[in-house]
Amino acid sequence: MDNNSPQSQVQLAAALTSAGRASEALTILKALQKKPVRRLVLKAALYLELGRAYLNVGEHKDAARELFLGYIYSQIGGLSSLGLHLRAMALLTRAYFELTDYATVHHIVASAMCQ
């Protein structure tokens, strides 16, 4: 795999976030966000990783914004991004829980249960 490909960069950022280095992941993901990404599944993954990194640095409003975009792109992507779609819902639940917006948490959970 090409280490400079957008997919590789998203995977590297995911690994950095998992390793507790979310601020480094954000640097990579923000740079990637400025480049055109045409594949919907990759775009969904990019925004989900941005949201996850923001969650891990305590930026819950930014996380919710990026996760919502990831949710939308995963929904547009159809069956090929079903796993990303459910992951987006789980991460959105966490973001809104951290924001103490429990009504939205209940709505997201209810929607996830229907899927």
C-alpha atoms as a PDB file:
ATOM      1  CA  MET A   1       0.000   0.000   0.000  1.00  0.00           C
ATOM      2  CA  ASP A   2       1.211   3.498  -0.797  1.00  0.00           C
ATOM      3  CA  ASN A   3       2.112   5.263   2.467  1.00  0.00           C
ATOM      4  CA  ASN A   4       1.068   8.596   0.966  1.00  0.00           C
ATOM      5  CA  SER A   5      -2.352   7.420  -0.176  1.00  0.00           C
ATOM      6  CA  PRO A   6      -5.351   8.956   1.624  1.00  0.00           C
ATOM      7  CA  GLN A   7      -6.418   5.509   2.826  1.00  0.00           C
ATOM      8  CA  SER A   8      -2.990   4.870   4.405  1.00  0.00           C
ATOM      9  CA  GLN A   9      -3.007   8.276   6.039  1.00  0.00           C
ATOM     10  CA  VAL A  10      -6.457   7.668   7.566  1.00  0.00           C
ATOM     11  CA  GLN A  11      -5.262   4.292   8.867  1.00  0.00           C
ATOM     12  CA  LEU A  12      -2.124   5.870  10.337  1.00  0.00           C
ATOM     13  CA  ALA A  13      -4.211   8.555  12.019  1.00  0.00           C
ATOM     14  CA  ALA A  14      -6.533   5.880  13.448  1.00  0.00           C
ATOM     15  CA  ALA A  15      -3.542   4.044  14.889  1.00  0.00           C
ATOM     16  CA  LEU A  16      -2.163   7.260  16.378  1.00  0.00           C
ATOM     17  CA  THR A  17      -5.509   8.069  17.995  1.00  0.00           C
ATOM     18  CA  SER A  18      -5.705   4.557  19.423  1.00  0.00           C
ATOM     19  CA  ALA A  19      -2.186   4.991  20.808  1.00  0.00           C
ATOM     20  CA  GLY A  20      -3.170   8.163  22.674  1.00  0.00           C
ATOM     21  CA  ARG A  21      -1.590  10.493  20.126  1.00  0.00           C
ATOM     22  CA  ALA A  22      -4.765  12.122  18.835  1.00  0.00           C
ATOM     23  CA  SER A  23      -3.190  15.556  18.409  1.00  0.00           C
ATOM     24  CA  GLU A  24      -0.725  14.072  15.897  1.00  0.00           C
ATOM     25  CA  ALA A  25      -3.602  12.289  14.169  1.00  0.00           C
ATOM     26  CA  LEU A  26      -5.471  15.590  13.877  1.00  0.00           C
ATOM     27  CA  THR A  27      -2.515  17.153  12.065  1.00  0.00           C
ATOM     28  CA  ILE A  28      -2.531  14.372   9.468  1.00  0.00           C
ATOM     29  CA  LEU A  29      -6.314  14.343   9.088  1.00  0.00           C
ATOM     30  CA  LYS A  30      -6.680  18.124   8.774  1.00  0.00           C
ATOM     31  CA  ALA A  31      -4.085  18.133   5.988  1.00  0.00           C
ATOM     32  CA  LEU A  32      -5.903  15.284   4.266  1.00  0.00           C
ATOM     33  CA  GLN A  33      -9.233  17.062   4.682  1.00  0.00           C
ATOM     34  CA  LYS A  34      -7.953  19.911   2.489  1.00  0.00           C
ATOM     35  CA  LYS A  35      -7.303  17.525  -0.419  1.00  0.00           C
ATOM     36  CA  PRO A  36     -10.057  16.267  -2.718  1.00  0.00           C
ATOM     37  CA  VAL A  37     -11.304  12.833  -1.669  1.00  0.00           C
ATOM     38  CA  ARG A  38     -13.823  11.402  -4.108  1.00  0.00           C
ATOM     39  CA  ARG A  39     -14.584   7.937  -2.698  1.00  0.00           C
ATOM     40  CA  LEU A  40     -17.529   8.225  -0.309  1.00  0.00           C
ATOM     41  CA  VAL A  41     -16.383   5.378   1.921  1.00  0.00           C
ATOM     42  CA  LEU A  42     -12.951   6.978   2.341  1.00  0.00           C
ATOM     43  CA  LYS A  43     -14.547  10.374   2.951  1.00  0.00           C
ATOM     44  CA  ALA A  44     -16.764   8.829   5.648  1.00  0.00           C
ATOM     45  CA  ALA A  45     -13.738   7.161   7.264  1.00  0.00           C
ATOM     46  CA  LEU A  46     -11.811  10.457   7.194  1.00  0.00           C
ATOM     47  CA  TYR A  47     -14.554  12.353   9.021  1.00  0.00           C
ATOM     48  CA  LEU A  48     -15.079   9.534  11.517  1.00  0.00           C
ATOM     49  CA  GLU A  49     -11.389   9.518  12.373  1.00  0.00           C
ATOM     50  CA  LEU A  50     -11.407  13.307  12.675  1.00  0.00           C
ATOM     51  CA  GLY A  51     -14.327  13.041  15.081  1.00  0.00           C
ATOM     52  CA  ARG A  52     -12.689  10.261  17.065  1.00  0.00           C
ATOM     53  CA  ALA A  53      -9.459  12.253  17.378  1.00  0.00           C
ATOM     54  CA  TYR A  54     -11.383  15.342  18.510  1.00  0.00           C
ATOM     55  CA  LEU A  55     -13.185  13.205  21.106  1.00  0.00           C
ATOM     56  CA  ASN A  56      -9.860  12.012  22.430  1.00  0.00           C
ATOM     57  CA  VAL A  57      -8.523  15.554  22.873  1.00  0.00           C
ATOM     58  CA  GLY A  58     -11.733  16.713  24.565  1.00  0.00           C
ATOM     59  CA  GLU A  59     -13.093  18.844  21.706  1.00  0.00           C
ATOM     60  CA  HIS A  60     -16.623  17.449  21.830  1.00  0.00           C
ATOM     61  CA  LYS A  61     -18.375  20.068  19.677  1.00  0.00           C
ATOM     62  CA  ASP A  62     -15.795  19.671  16.911  1.00  0.00           C
ATOM     63  CA  ALA A  63     -16.120  15.907  17.283  1.00  0.00           C
ATOM     64  CA  ALA A  64     -19.904  16.041  16.888  1.00  0.00           C
ATOM     65  CA  ARG A  65     -19.585  18.183  13.738  1.00  0.00           C
ATOM     66  CA  GLU A  66     -17.064  15.876  12.055  1.00  0.00           C
ATOM     67  CA  LEU A  67     -18.876  12.723  13.141  1.00  0.00           C
ATOM     68  CA  PHE A  68     -22.140  14.038  11.744  1.00  0.00           C
ATOM     69  CA  LEU A  69     -20.433  14.585   8.381  1.00  0.00           C
ATOM     70  CA  GLY A  70     -19.002  11.073   8.566  1.00  0.00           C
ATOM     71  CA  TYR A  71     -22.485   9.771   9.342  1.00  0.00           C
ATOM     72  CA  ILE A  72     -23.936  11.563   6.300  1.00  0.00           C
ATOM     73  CA  TYR A  73     -21.200  10.292   3.948  1.00  0.00           C
ATOM     74  CA  SER A  74     -21.569   6.757   5.285  1.00  0.00           C
ATOM     75  CA  GLN A  75     -25.305   6.926   4.713  1.00  0.00           C
ATOM     76  CA  ILE A  76     -24.814   8.105   1.140  1.00  0.00           C
ATOM     77  CA  GLY A  77     -22.258   5.336   0.594  1.00  0.00           C
ATOM     78  CA  GLY A  78     -24.929   2.671   1.021  1.00  0.00           C
ATOM     79  CA  LEU A  79     -24.213  -0.944   1.898  1.00  0.00           C
ATOM     80  CA  SER A  80     -20.502  -0.613   1.173  1.00  0.00           C
ATOM     81  CA  SER A  81     -20.196   1.631   4.232  1.00  0.00           C
ATOM     82  CA  LEU A  82     -22.710   0.011   6.599  1.00  0.00           C
ATOM     83  CA  GLY A  83     -20.000  -0.711   9.183  1.00  0.00           C
ATOM     84  CA  LEU A  84     -18.871   2.915   9.057  1.00  0.00           C
ATOM     85  CA  HIS A  85     -22.474   4.034   9.400  1.00  0.00           C
ATOM     86  CA  LEU A  86     -22.985   2.084  12.624  1.00  0.00           C
ATOM     87  CA  ARG A  87     -19.604   3.217  13.934  1.00  0.00           C
ATOM     88  CA  ALA A  88     -20.563   6.820  13.192  1.00  0.00           C
ATOM     89  CA  MET A  89     -23.717   6.402  15.242  1.00  0.00           C
ATOM     90  CA  ALA A  90     -21.775   4.922  18.154  1.00  0.00           C
ATOM     91  CA  LEU A  91     -19.232   7.750  18.104  1.00  0.00           C
ATOM     92  CA  LEU A  92     -21.974  10.371  17.737  1.00  0.00           C
ATOM     93  CA  THR A  93     -23.642   8.891  20.804  1.00  0.00           C
ATOM     94  CA  ARG A  94     -20.404   9.299  22.737  1.00  0.00           C
ATOM     95  CA  ALA A  95     -19.928  12.892  21.530  1.00  0.00           C
ATOM     96  CA  TYR A  96     -23.432  13.977  22.513  1.00  0.00           C
ATOM     97  CA  PHE A  97     -23.141  12.130  25.825  1.00  0.00           C
ATOM     98  CA  GLU A  98     -19.975  14.132  26.550  1.00  0.00           C
ATOM     99  CA  LEU A  99     -21.907  17.294  25.640  1.00  0.00           C
ATOM    100  CA  THR A 100     -24.647  16.155  28.082  1.00  0.00           C
ATOM    101  CA  ASP A 101     -27.247  16.333  25.307  1.00  0.00           C
ATOM    102  CA  TYR A 102     -29.099  13.233  26.458  1.00  0.00           C
ATOM    103  CA  ALA A 103     -32.146  13.808  24.262  1.00  0.00           C
ATOM    104  CA  THR A 104     -29.970  13.568  21.155  1.00  0.00           C
ATOM    105  CA  VAL A 105     -28.240  10.500  22.615  1.00  0.00           C
ATOM    106  CA  HIS A 106     -31.640   8.806  22.929  1.00  0.00           C
ATOM    107  CA  HIS A 107     -32.553   9.708  19.335  1.00  0.00           C
ATOM    108  CA  ILE A 108     -29.297   8.315  17.959  1.00  0.00           C
ATOM    109  CA  VAL A 109     -29.605   5.120  19.975  1.00  0.00           C
ATOM    110  CA  ALA A 110     -33.209   4.624  18.858  1.00  0.00           C
ATOM    111  CA  SER A 111     -32.175   5.109  15.242  1.00  0.00           C
ATOM    112  CA  ALA A 112     -29.290   2.659  15.639  1.00  0.00           C
ATOM    113  CA  MET A 113     -31.621   0.057  17.107  1.00  0.00           C
ATOM    114  CA  CYS A 114     -33.858   0.350  14.033  1.00  0.00           C
ATOM    115  CA  GLN A 115     -30.906  -0.388  11.772  1.00  0.00           C
END
